[in-house]
């Protein structure tokens, strides 16, 4: 797929420690690169390294093009009522393209909380992917919080580095809090990560 990297994204390219397989030391955690969303995604769309895409709501075209790029798993964090406003059946399209669809609906309420098991389920989807992964919500805010928690809990990335990586996508930790008075990444981890800002 032909995409255009936003010039502003160049300022985001930094390297932080990233654990690899046991006994193999560390590699650089790739910085997110923001991509052109035109006709593809709502609000945000980023590539992290060679295996991950994180964004807002994808279009049909985006899903078809990501399939061509090697994406094998689509993880959707949006609630069912949100998906009713999408003009196509995402689950059906993903499956028809031969990709695996993982729906983890959440919105930070008692009925659909941000919880540690979401990190576990996302990590399982990644392990079983056998290809690239798309993680999305509406505008990449929830997805960015889950991404940070995944880096911390599953990959051992330091809190501050994981938050910085996710902020480069759309983790706005000084933007708003959940009904419980916490940030999603706190609920995903079961603790407040170091360096997390509190909305003022």
N, C-alpha and C. Protein backbone atom coordinates (compact mmCIF):
# COMPACT_ATOMS: atom_id res chain seq x y z
N UNK A 1 0.85 -1.19 0.00
CA UNK A 1 0.00 0.00 0.00
C UNK A 1 0.88 1.23 0.00
N UNK A 2 0.54 2.20 -0.79
CA UNK A 2 1.28 3.45 -0.81
C UNK A 2 0.74 4.39 0.24
N UNK A 3 1.60 4.82 1.13
CA UNK A 3 1.20 5.73 2.19
C UNK A 3 2.21 6.85 2.27
N UNK A 4 1.81 7.94 2.87
CA UNK A 4 2.68 9.09 3.03
C UNK A 4 2.90 9.33 4.50
N UNK A 5 4.16 9.37 4.92
CA UNK A 5 4.48 9.62 6.31
C UNK A 5 4.35 11.10 6.59
N UNK A 6 3.64 11.45 7.65
CA UNK A 6 3.51 12.84 8.02
C UNK A 6 4.86 13.37 8.48
N UNK A 7 5.20 14.56 8.05
CA UNK A 7 6.48 15.13 8.41
C UNK A 7 6.65 15.23 9.91
N UNK A 8 5.56 15.53 10.60
CA UNK A 8 5.65 15.68 12.05
C UNK A 8 6.06 14.39 12.73
N UNK A 9 5.81 13.28 12.08
CA UNK A 9 6.13 11.99 12.70
C UNK A 9 7.63 11.79 12.83
N UNK A 10 8.42 12.47 12.00
CA UNK A 10 9.86 12.30 12.07
C UNK A 10 10.41 12.69 13.42
N UNK A 11 9.76 13.64 14.06
CA UNK A 11 10.22 14.08 15.37
C UNK A 11 9.96 13.04 16.44
N UNK A 12 9.17 12.04 16.12
CA UNK A 12 8.79 11.03 17.11
C UNK A 12 9.72 9.83 17.10
N UNK A 13 10.64 9.77 16.16
CA UNK A 13 11.45 8.58 15.99
C UNK A 13 12.58 8.57 17.02
N UNK A 14 12.40 7.76 18.06
CA UNK A 14 13.39 7.60 19.11
C UNK A 14 13.49 6.11 19.40
N UNK A 15 14.59 5.69 20.01
CA UNK A 15 14.78 4.29 20.33
C UNK A 15 14.82 4.10 21.83
N UNK A 16 14.11 3.11 22.32
CA UNK A 16 14.13 2.79 23.74
C UNK A 16 14.33 1.29 23.87
N UNK A 17 14.79 0.80 25.03
CA UNK A 17 15.04 -0.63 25.19
C UNK A 17 13.78 -1.46 24.95
N UNK A 18 13.94 -2.56 24.27
CA UNK A 18 12.81 -3.44 23.97
C UNK A 18 13.27 -4.88 24.08
N UNK A 19 12.76 -5.62 25.06
CA UNK A 19 13.21 -7.00 25.26
C UNK A 19 12.83 -7.89 24.08
N UNK A 20 13.74 -8.78 23.74
CA UNK A 20 13.44 -9.79 22.74
C UNK A 20 13.48 -11.14 23.42
N UNK A 21 13.57 -12.21 22.65
CA UNK A 21 13.52 -13.55 23.24
C UNK A 21 14.58 -13.72 24.31
N UNK A 22 14.26 -14.53 25.31
CA UNK A 22 15.15 -14.75 26.44
C UNK A 22 16.54 -15.14 25.98
N UNK A 23 17.54 -14.46 26.56
CA UNK A 23 18.92 -14.78 26.25
C UNK A 23 19.45 -14.05 25.04
N UNK A 24 18.63 -13.25 24.39
CA UNK A 24 19.05 -12.56 23.18
C UNK A 24 19.26 -11.07 23.39
N UNK A 25 19.23 -10.61 24.65
CA UNK A 25 19.48 -9.20 24.91
C UNK A 25 18.30 -8.32 24.58
N UNK A 26 18.57 -7.08 24.16
CA UNK A 26 17.51 -6.14 23.84
C UNK A 26 17.68 -5.60 22.44
N UNK A 27 16.60 -5.13 21.89
CA UNK A 27 16.60 -4.45 20.60
C UNK A 27 15.90 -3.12 20.81
N UNK A 28 15.95 -2.26 19.81
CA UNK A 28 15.30 -0.96 19.94
C UNK A 28 13.80 -1.11 19.74
N UNK A 29 13.02 -0.51 20.63
CA UNK A 29 11.57 -0.47 20.47
C UNK A 29 11.27 0.53 19.36
N UNK A 30 10.69 0.10 18.26
CA UNK A 30 10.43 1.02 17.16
C UNK A 30 9.47 2.13 17.58
N UNK A 31 9.78 3.34 17.17
CA UNK A 31 8.88 4.45 17.43
C UNK A 31 7.72 4.39 16.45
N UNK A 32 6.52 4.75 16.90
CA UNK A 32 5.38 4.79 15.98
C UNK A 32 5.60 5.81 14.87
N UNK A 33 5.21 5.45 13.69
CA UNK A 33 5.27 6.35 12.54
C UNK A 33 3.83 6.62 12.11
N UNK A 34 3.40 7.87 12.22
CA UNK A 34 2.04 8.23 11.82
C UNK A 34 1.93 8.22 10.30
N UNK A 35 0.87 7.60 9.81
CA UNK A 35 0.66 7.45 8.38
C UNK A 35 -0.56 8.24 7.91
N UNK A 36 -0.63 8.45 6.63
CA UNK A 36 -1.75 9.18 6.03
C UNK A 36 -3.05 8.39 6.23
N UNK A 37 -4.03 9.03 6.83
CA UNK A 37 -5.30 8.35 7.11
C UNK A 37 -6.32 8.48 5.98
N UNK A 38 -6.04 9.27 4.96
CA UNK A 38 -7.02 9.58 3.92
C UNK A 38 -7.62 8.32 3.29
N UNK A 39 -8.93 8.19 3.46
CA UNK A 39 -9.64 7.05 2.90
C UNK A 39 -9.39 5.73 3.60
N UNK A 40 -8.63 5.78 4.69
CA UNK A 40 -8.23 4.54 5.35
C UNK A 40 -8.69 4.43 6.79
N UNK A 41 -8.43 5.45 7.58
CA UNK A 41 -8.71 5.38 9.02
C UNK A 41 -9.33 6.67 9.52
N UNK A 42 -10.11 6.53 10.59
CA UNK A 42 -10.66 7.69 11.29
C UNK A 42 -9.61 8.22 12.26
N UNK A 43 -9.21 9.43 12.10
CA UNK A 43 -8.35 10.20 13.01
C UNK A 43 -6.88 9.79 13.01
N UNK A 44 -6.52 8.60 13.48
CA UNK A 44 -5.12 8.22 13.62
C UNK A 44 -4.85 6.86 13.00
N UNK A 45 -3.58 6.72 12.54
CA UNK A 45 -3.15 5.47 11.92
C UNK A 45 -1.64 5.44 12.02
N UNK A 46 -1.09 4.47 12.74
CA UNK A 46 0.36 4.41 12.94
C UNK A 46 0.88 3.01 12.70
N UNK A 47 2.12 2.95 12.25
CA UNK A 47 2.83 1.68 12.15
C UNK A 47 3.89 1.66 13.23
N UNK A 48 3.99 0.54 13.95
CA UNK A 48 5.03 0.39 14.96
C UNK A 48 5.88 -0.81 14.56
N UNK A 49 7.08 -0.53 14.09
CA UNK A 49 7.93 -1.60 13.60
C UNK A 49 7.33 -2.25 12.36
N UNK A 50 7.63 -3.51 12.17
CA UNK A 50 7.15 -4.20 10.97
C UNK A 50 5.90 -5.03 11.20
N UNK A 51 5.50 -5.18 12.47
CA UNK A 51 4.43 -6.14 12.76
C UNK A 51 3.13 -5.55 13.30
N UNK A 52 3.11 -4.26 13.64
CA UNK A 52 1.92 -3.70 14.29
C UNK A 52 1.42 -2.45 13.58
N UNK A 53 0.09 -2.38 13.44
CA UNK A 53 -0.59 -1.17 13.02
C UNK A 53 -1.59 -0.83 14.11
N UNK A 54 -1.65 0.44 14.51
CA UNK A 54 -2.57 0.88 15.56
C UNK A 54 -3.30 2.10 15.05
N UNK A 55 -4.63 2.09 15.15
CA UNK A 55 -5.36 3.20 14.58
C UNK A 55 -6.77 3.35 15.11
N UNK A 56 -7.47 4.29 14.48
CA UNK A 56 -8.89 4.48 14.74
C UNK A 56 -9.67 3.49 13.88
N UNK A 57 -10.92 3.82 13.62
CA UNK A 57 -11.78 2.92 12.83
C UNK A 57 -11.27 2.81 11.39
N UNK A 58 -10.98 1.59 10.92
CA UNK A 58 -10.55 1.42 9.54
C UNK A 58 -11.73 1.38 8.57
N UNK A 59 -11.47 1.75 7.34
CA UNK A 59 -12.46 1.62 6.28
C UNK A 59 -12.31 0.24 5.64
N UNK A 60 -13.25 -0.08 4.75
CA UNK A 60 -13.14 -1.34 4.01
C UNK A 60 -11.83 -1.37 3.23
N UNK A 61 -11.52 -0.25 2.60
CA UNK A 61 -10.28 -0.17 1.82
C UNK A 61 -9.06 -0.43 2.68
N UNK A 62 -9.05 0.14 3.88
CA UNK A 62 -7.91 -0.06 4.78
C UNK A 62 -7.72 -1.53 5.11
N UNK A 63 -8.81 -2.22 5.42
CA UNK A 63 -8.70 -3.63 5.78
C UNK A 63 -8.20 -4.47 4.61
N UNK A 64 -8.67 -4.15 3.42
CA UNK A 64 -8.21 -4.90 2.24
C UNK A 64 -6.72 -4.64 1.99
N UNK A 65 -6.30 -3.40 2.15
CA UNK A 65 -4.90 -3.07 1.90
C UNK A 65 -3.99 -3.64 2.99
N UNK A 66 -4.46 -3.64 4.23
CA UNK A 66 -3.67 -4.23 5.30
C UNK A 66 -3.53 -5.74 5.12
N UNK A 67 -4.57 -6.38 4.64
CA UNK A 67 -4.48 -7.80 4.32
C UNK A 67 -3.36 -8.03 3.30
N UNK A 68 -3.30 -7.17 2.29
CA UNK A 68 -2.27 -7.30 1.27
C UNK A 68 -0.87 -7.07 1.83
N UNK A 69 -0.80 -6.32 2.93
CA UNK A 69 0.50 -6.04 3.57
C UNK A 69 0.91 -7.11 4.57
N UNK A 70 0.07 -8.11 4.77
CA UNK A 70 0.44 -9.19 5.66
C UNK A 70 -0.23 -9.21 7.01
N UNK A 71 -1.23 -8.36 7.21
CA UNK A 71 -1.97 -8.39 8.48
C UNK A 71 -2.83 -9.66 8.51
N UNK A 72 -2.74 -10.40 9.61
CA UNK A 72 -3.50 -11.64 9.75
C UNK A 72 -4.51 -11.59 10.89
N UNK A 73 -4.37 -10.60 11.78
CA UNK A 73 -5.27 -10.48 12.93
C UNK A 73 -5.73 -9.04 13.08
N UNK A 74 -7.02 -8.84 13.28
CA UNK A 74 -7.60 -7.52 13.55
C UNK A 74 -8.22 -7.57 14.94
N UNK A 75 -7.74 -6.69 15.83
CA UNK A 75 -8.26 -6.61 17.20
C UNK A 75 -9.04 -5.31 17.33
N UNK A 76 -10.32 -5.42 17.63
CA UNK A 76 -11.23 -4.27 17.70
C UNK A 76 -11.68 -4.05 19.14
N UNK A 77 -11.47 -2.84 19.67
CA UNK A 77 -11.85 -2.52 21.04
C UNK A 77 -13.18 -1.78 21.14
N UNK A 78 -13.85 -1.52 20.03
CA UNK A 78 -15.07 -0.73 20.05
C UNK A 78 -16.27 -1.54 20.55
N UNK A 79 -17.21 -0.82 21.15
CA UNK A 79 -18.42 -1.46 21.66
C UNK A 79 -19.35 -1.83 20.49
N UNK A 80 -20.23 -2.83 20.68
CA UNK A 80 -21.16 -3.22 19.62
C UNK A 80 -22.01 -2.06 19.11
N UNK A 81 -22.47 -1.20 20.03
CA UNK A 81 -23.29 -0.07 19.59
C UNK A 81 -22.50 0.93 18.75
N UNK A 82 -21.21 1.03 19.00
CA UNK A 82 -20.37 1.88 18.16
C UNK A 82 -20.26 1.30 16.75
N UNK A 83 -20.12 -0.01 16.68
CA UNK A 83 -19.95 -0.66 15.39
C UNK A 83 -21.21 -0.59 14.54
N UNK A 84 -22.36 -0.36 15.16
CA UNK A 84 -23.60 -0.22 14.39
C UNK A 84 -23.56 1.00 13.49
N UNK A 85 -22.70 1.97 13.82
CA UNK A 85 -22.60 3.18 13.00
C UNK A 85 -21.59 3.04 11.86
N UNK A 86 -20.88 1.93 11.83
CA UNK A 86 -19.92 1.69 10.75
C UNK A 86 -20.69 1.16 9.54
N UNK A 87 -20.47 1.73 8.35
CA UNK A 87 -21.30 1.38 7.19
C UNK A 87 -20.99 0.03 6.53
N UNK A 88 -20.32 -0.86 7.23
CA UNK A 88 -20.09 -2.20 6.72
C UNK A 88 -19.88 -3.13 7.91
N UNK A 89 -19.98 -4.41 7.68
CA UNK A 89 -19.81 -5.40 8.73
C UNK A 89 -18.33 -5.75 8.83
N UNK A 90 -17.66 -5.15 9.80
CA UNK A 90 -16.21 -5.33 9.91
C UNK A 90 -15.84 -6.79 10.15
N UNK A 91 -16.53 -7.42 11.09
CA UNK A 91 -16.21 -8.81 11.42
C UNK A 91 -16.34 -9.71 10.19
N UNK A 92 -17.43 -9.53 9.44
CA UNK A 92 -17.66 -10.37 8.26
C UNK A 92 -16.60 -10.11 7.20
N UNK A 93 -16.24 -8.84 7.00
CA UNK A 93 -15.23 -8.52 5.99
C UNK A 93 -13.88 -9.11 6.37
N UNK A 94 -13.49 -8.93 7.62
CA UNK A 94 -12.20 -9.45 8.08
C UNK A 94 -12.13 -10.96 7.86
N UNK A 95 -13.18 -11.65 8.24
CA UNK A 95 -13.20 -13.11 8.09
C UNK A 95 -13.20 -13.51 6.62
N UNK A 96 -13.91 -12.75 5.78
CA UNK A 96 -13.96 -13.08 4.35
C UNK A 96 -12.60 -12.90 3.69
N UNK A 97 -11.77 -12.04 4.28
CA UNK A 97 -10.43 -11.80 3.75
C UNK A 97 -9.42 -12.82 4.29
N UNK A 98 -9.89 -13.72 5.13
CA UNK A 98 -9.00 -14.75 5.66
C UNK A 98 -8.21 -14.33 6.87
N UNK A 99 -8.60 -13.23 7.49
CA UNK A 99 -7.93 -12.77 8.70
C UNK A 99 -8.73 -13.19 9.93
N UNK A 100 -8.08 -13.19 11.07
CA UNK A 100 -8.75 -13.51 12.33
C UNK A 100 -9.28 -12.23 12.97
N UNK A 101 -10.52 -12.26 13.41
CA UNK A 101 -11.15 -11.10 14.03
C UNK A 101 -11.28 -11.34 15.53
N UNK A 102 -10.70 -10.44 16.32
CA UNK A 102 -10.75 -10.53 17.77
C UNK A 102 -11.47 -9.29 18.29
N UNK A 103 -12.63 -9.48 18.89
CA UNK A 103 -13.42 -8.35 19.39
C UNK A 103 -13.31 -8.30 20.91
N UNK A 104 -12.70 -7.23 21.42
CA UNK A 104 -12.55 -7.01 22.86
C UNK A 104 -13.23 -5.69 23.23
N UNK A 105 -14.56 -5.65 23.24
CA UNK A 105 -15.27 -4.38 23.47
C UNK A 105 -15.04 -3.84 24.87
N UNK A 106 -14.76 -2.54 24.95
CA UNK A 106 -14.51 -1.91 26.25
C UNK A 106 -14.76 -0.41 26.15
N UNK A 107 -15.21 0.16 27.28
CA UNK A 107 -15.41 1.61 27.33
C UNK A 107 -15.17 2.18 28.73
N UNK A 108 -14.67 1.39 29.65
CA UNK A 108 -14.33 1.89 30.97
C UNK A 108 -15.48 1.95 31.94
N UNK A 109 -16.52 1.17 31.70
CA UNK A 109 -17.66 1.11 32.61
C UNK A 109 -17.65 -0.24 33.34
N UNK A 110 -18.54 -0.39 34.31
CA UNK A 110 -18.63 -1.66 35.02
C UNK A 110 -18.99 -2.80 34.07
N UNK A 111 -19.80 -2.50 33.07
CA UNK A 111 -20.24 -3.52 32.12
C UNK A 111 -19.15 -3.87 31.11
N UNK A 112 -18.29 -2.93 30.79
CA UNK A 112 -17.23 -3.15 29.80
C UNK A 112 -15.97 -2.44 30.27
N UNK A 113 -15.34 -2.96 31.32
CA UNK A 113 -14.21 -2.27 31.94
C UNK A 113 -12.91 -2.41 31.16
N UNK A 114 -12.00 -1.50 31.46
CA UNK A 114 -10.61 -1.67 31.04
C UNK A 114 -9.99 -2.57 32.12
N UNK A 115 -9.62 -3.77 31.78
CA UNK A 115 -9.20 -4.74 32.79
C UNK A 115 -7.94 -5.48 32.34
N UNK A 116 -7.18 -6.00 33.31
CA UNK A 116 -5.94 -6.71 32.98
C UNK A 116 -6.11 -7.86 32.00
N UNK A 117 -7.27 -8.52 32.02
CA UNK A 117 -7.42 -9.66 31.11
C UNK A 117 -7.44 -9.23 29.65
N UNK A 118 -7.71 -7.95 29.38
CA UNK A 118 -7.66 -7.47 28.00
C UNK A 118 -6.23 -7.52 27.47
N UNK A 119 -5.26 -7.21 28.33
CA UNK A 119 -3.85 -7.29 27.93
C UNK A 119 -3.49 -8.74 27.62
N UNK A 120 -3.94 -9.64 28.47
CA UNK A 120 -3.67 -11.07 28.28
C UNK A 120 -4.27 -11.57 26.96
N UNK A 121 -5.50 -11.16 26.68
CA UNK A 121 -6.17 -11.59 25.46
C UNK A 121 -5.50 -11.00 24.22
N UNK A 122 -5.08 -9.74 24.32
CA UNK A 122 -4.38 -9.13 23.19
C UNK A 122 -3.05 -9.84 22.95
N UNK A 123 -2.32 -10.12 24.02
CA UNK A 123 -1.04 -10.82 23.90
C UNK A 123 -1.22 -12.19 23.26
N UNK A 124 -2.29 -12.87 23.62
CA UNK A 124 -2.57 -14.19 23.03
C UNK A 124 -2.84 -14.06 21.53
N UNK A 125 -3.59 -13.01 21.16
CA UNK A 125 -3.87 -12.78 19.74
C UNK A 125 -2.59 -12.52 18.97
N UNK A 126 -1.68 -11.77 19.58
CA UNK A 126 -0.39 -11.47 18.94
C UNK A 126 0.42 -12.75 18.77
N UNK A 127 0.48 -13.56 19.81
CA UNK A 127 1.25 -14.81 19.74
C UNK A 127 0.72 -15.75 18.66
N UNK A 128 -0.58 -15.74 18.45
CA UNK A 128 -1.19 -16.64 17.48
C UNK A 128 -1.33 -16.04 16.08
N UNK A 129 -0.82 -14.84 15.90
CA UNK A 129 -1.08 -14.10 14.67
C UNK A 129 -0.44 -14.72 13.43
N UNK A 130 0.79 -15.19 13.53
CA UNK A 130 1.50 -15.69 12.35
C UNK A 130 1.50 -14.65 11.23
N UNK A 131 1.66 -13.40 11.62
CA UNK A 131 1.65 -12.30 10.67
C UNK A 131 1.54 -10.99 11.42
N UNK A 132 1.14 -9.95 10.73
CA UNK A 132 1.02 -8.63 11.33
C UNK A 132 -0.33 -8.45 12.01
N UNK A 133 -0.39 -7.46 12.90
CA UNK A 133 -1.59 -7.24 13.71
C UNK A 133 -2.07 -5.80 13.60
N UNK A 134 -3.38 -5.63 13.44
CA UNK A 134 -4.01 -4.31 13.54
C UNK A 134 -4.77 -4.25 14.85
N UNK A 135 -4.48 -3.24 15.66
CA UNK A 135 -5.21 -2.95 16.89
C UNK A 135 -5.91 -1.62 16.69
N UNK A 136 -7.24 -1.59 16.88
CA UNK A 136 -7.94 -0.33 16.63
C UNK A 136 -9.11 -0.14 17.59
N UNK A 137 -9.52 1.13 17.70
CA UNK A 137 -10.76 1.50 18.39
C UNK A 137 -11.44 2.53 17.50
N UNK A 138 -11.79 3.69 18.04
CA UNK A 138 -12.43 4.72 17.22
C UNK A 138 -11.42 5.73 16.70
N UNK A 139 -10.61 6.27 17.64
CA UNK A 139 -9.60 7.27 17.27
C UNK A 139 -8.22 6.89 17.79
N UNK A 140 -8.02 5.64 18.14
CA UNK A 140 -6.74 5.10 18.62
C UNK A 140 -6.40 5.48 20.06
N UNK A 141 -7.36 6.04 20.80
CA UNK A 141 -7.10 6.41 22.20
C UNK A 141 -7.09 5.18 23.09
N UNK A 142 -8.16 4.40 23.05
CA UNK A 142 -8.19 3.16 23.83
C UNK A 142 -7.08 2.21 23.38
N UNK A 143 -6.89 2.13 22.07
CA UNK A 143 -5.86 1.24 21.53
C UNK A 143 -4.47 1.64 22.02
N UNK A 144 -4.21 2.93 22.12
CA UNK A 144 -2.90 3.40 22.60
C UNK A 144 -2.68 3.03 24.06
N UNK A 145 -3.72 3.14 24.87
CA UNK A 145 -3.61 2.76 26.28
C UNK A 145 -3.35 1.26 26.41
N UNK A 146 -4.05 0.45 25.61
CA UNK A 146 -3.82 -0.99 25.66
C UNK A 146 -2.43 -1.34 25.16
N UNK A 147 -1.97 -0.63 24.15
CA UNK A 147 -0.62 -0.85 23.61
C UNK A 147 0.43 -0.58 24.68
N UNK A 148 0.29 0.51 25.42
CA UNK A 148 1.24 0.83 26.49
C UNK A 148 1.25 -0.27 27.54
N UNK A 149 0.07 -0.72 27.94
CA UNK A 149 -0.02 -1.77 28.95
C UNK A 149 0.59 -3.07 28.45
N UNK A 150 0.40 -3.37 27.18
CA UNK A 150 0.99 -4.58 26.58
C UNK A 150 2.51 -4.50 26.62
N UNK A 151 3.06 -3.36 26.25
CA UNK A 151 4.52 -3.20 26.27
C UNK A 151 5.08 -3.40 27.67
N UNK A 152 4.39 -2.84 28.65
CA UNK A 152 4.86 -2.93 30.04
C UNK A 152 4.71 -4.34 30.59
N UNK A 153 3.51 -4.88 30.46
CA UNK A 153 3.20 -6.16 31.11
C UNK A 153 3.77 -7.36 30.37
N UNK A 154 3.69 -7.35 29.06
CA UNK A 154 4.08 -8.53 28.28
C UNK A 154 5.50 -8.46 27.73
N UNK A 155 6.02 -7.24 27.53
CA UNK A 155 7.34 -7.09 26.91
C UNK A 155 8.39 -6.53 27.86
N UNK A 156 7.97 -6.15 29.06
CA UNK A 156 8.93 -5.67 30.04
C UNK A 156 9.52 -4.31 29.76
N UNK A 157 8.87 -3.53 28.93
CA UNK A 157 9.35 -2.18 28.64
C UNK A 157 9.09 -1.30 29.86
N UNK A 158 10.03 -0.42 30.18
CA UNK A 158 9.88 0.48 31.32
C UNK A 158 8.65 1.36 31.13
N UNK A 159 8.00 1.69 32.25
CA UNK A 159 6.75 2.46 32.20
C UNK A 159 6.88 3.71 31.35
N UNK A 160 7.91 4.52 31.62
CA UNK A 160 8.04 5.80 30.93
C UNK A 160 8.22 5.63 29.43
N UNK A 161 9.01 4.63 29.03
CA UNK A 161 9.24 4.40 27.61
C UNK A 161 7.97 3.91 26.91
N UNK A 162 7.24 3.04 27.59
CA UNK A 162 6.00 2.53 27.00
C UNK A 162 4.98 3.65 26.83
N UNK A 163 4.87 4.51 27.83
CA UNK A 163 3.94 5.64 27.74
C UNK A 163 4.34 6.59 26.63
N UNK A 164 5.64 6.85 26.50
CA UNK A 164 6.11 7.75 25.44
C UNK A 164 5.79 7.17 24.07
N UNK A 165 5.98 5.87 23.92
CA UNK A 165 5.69 5.22 22.65
C UNK A 165 4.21 5.34 22.31
N UNK A 166 3.35 5.10 23.30
CA UNK A 166 1.91 5.17 23.07
C UNK A 166 1.42 6.60 22.89
N UNK A 167 2.07 7.56 23.56
CA UNK A 167 1.69 8.97 23.36
C UNK A 167 1.93 9.40 21.92
N UNK A 168 2.92 8.83 21.29
CA UNK A 168 3.22 9.17 19.90
C UNK A 168 2.12 8.70 18.95
N UNK A 169 1.23 7.83 19.46
CA UNK A 169 0.07 7.40 18.67
C UNK A 169 -1.13 8.26 19.06
N UNK A 170 -1.70 8.01 20.23
CA UNK A 170 -2.81 8.85 20.69
C UNK A 170 -3.14 8.63 22.16
N UNK A 171 -2.16 8.28 22.99
CA UNK A 171 -2.41 8.16 24.42
C UNK A 171 -2.32 9.56 25.01
N UNK A 172 -3.47 10.13 25.30
CA UNK A 172 -3.53 11.48 25.88
C UNK A 172 -3.87 11.34 27.36
N UNK A 173 -2.85 11.07 28.17
CA UNK A 173 -3.11 10.78 29.57
C UNK A 173 -3.48 12.01 30.39
N UNK A 174 -3.33 13.18 29.81
CA UNK A 174 -3.77 14.39 30.51
C UNK A 174 -5.09 14.90 29.91
N UNK A 175 -5.77 14.02 29.18
CA UNK A 175 -6.97 14.42 28.43
C UNK A 175 -8.25 14.16 29.21
N UNK A 176 -8.45 12.93 29.66
CA UNK A 176 -9.67 12.60 30.40
C UNK A 176 -9.45 11.31 31.19
N UNK A 177 -10.36 11.07 32.13
CA UNK A 177 -10.26 9.87 32.96
C UNK A 177 -11.53 9.05 32.81
N UNK A 178 -11.50 7.82 33.31
CA UNK A 178 -12.66 6.96 33.25
C UNK A 178 -13.64 7.34 34.35
N UNK A 179 -14.80 6.68 34.35
CA UNK A 179 -15.79 6.94 35.39
C UNK A 179 -15.26 6.59 36.77
N UNK A 180 -14.26 5.74 36.83
CA UNK A 180 -13.68 5.34 38.11
C UNK A 180 -12.60 6.31 38.58
N UNK A 181 -12.32 7.32 37.79
CA UNK A 181 -11.28 8.28 38.16
C UNK A 181 -9.88 7.80 37.86
N UNK A 182 -9.76 6.87 36.93
CA UNK A 182 -8.45 6.34 36.54
C UNK A 182 -8.25 6.51 35.04
N UNK A 183 -7.03 6.23 34.59
CA UNK A 183 -6.73 6.18 33.17
C UNK A 183 -6.84 4.73 32.71
N UNK A 184 -7.20 4.48 31.45
CA UNK A 184 -7.31 3.10 30.98
C UNK A 184 -6.06 2.26 31.24
N UNK A 185 -4.88 2.85 31.00
CA UNK A 185 -3.65 2.07 31.20
C UNK A 185 -3.50 1.62 32.64
N UNK A 186 -3.99 2.42 33.59
CA UNK A 186 -3.96 2.01 35.00
C UNK A 186 -4.81 0.77 35.23
N UNK A 187 -5.99 0.77 34.65
CA UNK A 187 -6.90 -0.36 34.83
C UNK A 187 -6.38 -1.61 34.12
N UNK A 188 -5.75 -1.41 32.96
CA UNK A 188 -5.17 -2.54 32.24
C UNK A 188 -4.05 -3.20 33.06
N UNK A 189 -3.27 -2.37 33.76
CA UNK A 189 -2.14 -2.88 34.53
C UNK A 189 -2.49 -3.24 35.96
N UNK A 190 -3.57 -2.64 36.48
CA UNK A 190 -3.90 -2.82 37.89
C UNK A 190 -3.05 -1.96 38.80
N UNK A 191 -2.39 -0.97 38.22
CA UNK A 191 -1.56 -0.04 38.99
C UNK A 191 -1.31 1.20 38.14
N UNK A 192 -0.81 2.26 38.77
CA UNK A 192 -0.49 3.47 38.03
C UNK A 192 0.96 3.40 37.55
N UNK A 193 1.19 3.43 36.25
CA UNK A 193 2.56 3.37 35.76
C UNK A 193 3.32 4.66 36.05
N UNK A 194 4.61 4.54 36.22
CA UNK A 194 5.45 5.71 36.47
C UNK A 194 5.42 6.63 35.26
N UNK A 195 5.29 7.92 35.52
CA UNK A 195 5.29 8.90 34.44
C UNK A 195 3.92 9.21 33.88
N UNK A 196 2.87 8.56 34.40
CA UNK A 196 1.52 8.84 33.90
C UNK A 196 1.05 10.18 34.43
N UNK A 197 0.59 11.02 33.54
CA UNK A 197 0.11 12.34 33.95
C UNK A 197 -1.35 12.26 34.37
N UNK A 198 -1.75 13.16 35.25
CA UNK A 198 -3.13 13.22 35.72
C UNK A 198 -3.83 14.40 35.06
N UNK A 199 -5.00 14.18 34.46
CA UNK A 199 -5.71 15.30 33.85
C UNK A 199 -5.93 16.43 34.83
N UNK A 200 -5.68 17.63 34.38
CA UNK A 200 -5.87 18.80 35.25
C UNK A 200 -7.17 19.45 34.94
